[in-house]
Amino acid sequence: MWPILLAFMRTYAPYITLPAAAVIGFVGYNIEKQFRTPPPPRPSIEELRSERLLKEMLETEKVGLDPLKNKTFVPKSVFEKNVSPGIKEE
């Protein structure tokens, strides 16, 4: 009797274990979902960046801005348009 039972189990094991594993996995997943606590909400990257930039702006000293009539931000020629700050002459 035992050899016949073992031969039957060896032959049909994939047909039995796959549905059993699927049912056990489905039930376990739903039980875990019921008892799991959701993670606390985290602020988005954009919010963190905007807060950091605002904090940096408030911490830095206020620099005296040139009036707009001077137009120091406009380059005198085309060659001064994309100059690296390290190369720029003041």
Protein backbone atom coordinates (compact mmCIF):
# COMPACT_ATOMS: atom_id res chain seq x y z
CA MET A 1 0.00 0.00 0.00
CA TRP A 2 2.79 2.43 0.89
CA PRO A 3 4.63 2.05 -2.42
CA ILE A 4 1.44 2.79 -4.33
CA LEU A 5 0.70 5.87 -2.20
CA LEU A 6 4.28 7.18 -2.55
CA ALA A 7 4.22 6.64 -6.32
CA PHE A 8 0.91 8.53 -6.53
CA MET A 9 2.28 11.44 -4.45
CA ARG A 10 5.50 11.58 -6.48
CA THR A 11 3.58 11.61 -9.77
CA TYR A 12 0.91 14.18 -8.88
CA ALA A 13 2.89 16.41 -6.46
CA PRO A 14 3.04 19.48 -8.79
CA TYR A 15 -0.71 19.34 -9.40
CA ILE A 16 -1.40 19.33 -5.67
CA THR A 17 1.27 21.66 -4.30
CA LEU A 18 0.82 24.55 -6.75
CA PRO A 19 -2.87 25.22 -5.94
CA ALA A 20 -2.22 24.63 -2.23
CA ALA A 21 0.65 27.13 -2.25
CA ALA A 22 -1.49 29.66 -4.15
CA VAL A 23 -4.33 29.37 -1.62
CA ILE A 24 -1.97 29.62 1.37
CA GLY A 25 -0.23 32.64 -0.18
CA PHE A 26 -3.50 34.40 -0.94
CA VAL A 27 -4.85 33.86 2.58
CA GLY A 28 -1.57 34.94 4.18
CA TYR A 29 -1.36 38.06 2.06
CA ASN A 30 -4.87 39.16 3.04
CA ILE A 31 -4.30 38.43 6.74
CA GLU A 32 -1.07 40.42 6.69
CA LYS A 33 -2.82 43.30 4.91
CA GLN A 34 -5.42 43.45 7.69
CA PHE A 35 -2.86 43.76 10.49
CA ARG A 36 -0.23 45.92 8.78
CA THR A 37 -0.06 49.58 9.77
CA PRO A 38 0.54 51.99 6.90
CA PRO A 39 3.84 53.88 6.96
CA PRO A 40 3.69 57.52 8.03
CA PRO A 41 3.36 59.95 5.13
CA ARG A 42 6.66 61.49 4.03
CA PRO A 43 6.91 64.96 2.53
CA SER A 44 7.64 65.04 -1.18
CA ILE A 45 11.05 65.92 -2.57
CA GLU A 46 9.68 69.17 -3.98
CA GLU A 47 8.39 70.24 -0.56
CA LEU A 48 11.73 69.40 1.10
CA ARG A 49 13.62 71.34 -1.56
CA SER A 50 11.38 74.39 -1.34
CA GLU A 51 11.65 74.43 2.47
CA ARG A 52 15.44 74.08 2.29
CA LEU A 53 15.74 76.90 -0.28
CA LEU A 54 13.48 79.15 1.78
CA LYS A 55 15.52 78.42 4.89
CA GLU A 56 18.76 79.20 3.04
CA MET A 57 17.32 82.45 1.73
CA LEU A 58 16.27 83.54 5.22
CA GLU A 59 19.63 82.60 6.75
CA THR A 60 21.82 84.38 4.22
CA GLU A 61 22.60 88.03 4.63
CA LYS A 62 20.64 90.41 2.52
CA VAL A 63 22.85 91.56 -0.31
CA GLY A 64 22.46 95.08 -1.61
CA LEU A 65 20.91 94.65 -5.02
CA ASP A 66 21.80 96.97 -7.85
CA PRO A 67 18.92 99.03 -9.15
CA LEU A 68 17.44 97.90 -12.43
CA LYS A 69 18.49 101.13 -14.16
CA ASN A 70 22.15 100.05 -14.05
CA LYS A 71 21.41 96.84 -16.00
CA THR A 72 24.46 95.01 -14.71
CA PHE A 73 22.84 91.70 -15.55
CA VAL A 74 22.87 92.42 -19.30
CA PRO A 75 26.12 91.37 -21.06
CA LYS A 76 27.98 94.03 -23.03
CA SER A 77 28.76 91.63 -25.86
CA VAL A 78 27.78 88.19 -27.10
CA PHE A 79 31.03 86.72 -25.76
CA GLU A 80 30.11 87.60 -22.16
CA LYS A 81 26.82 85.77 -22.33
CA ASN A 82 27.78 82.27 -21.04
CA VAL A 83 30.91 82.96 -19.03
CA SER A 84 31.79 80.70 -16.12
CA PRO A 85 31.81 82.50 -12.75
CA GLY A 86 35.46 81.49 -12.26
CA ILE A 87 36.51 83.21 -15.48
CA LYS A 88 34.31 86.26 -15.11
CA GLU A 89 36.16 89.50 -14.39
CA GLU A 90 34.66 91.92 -11.96
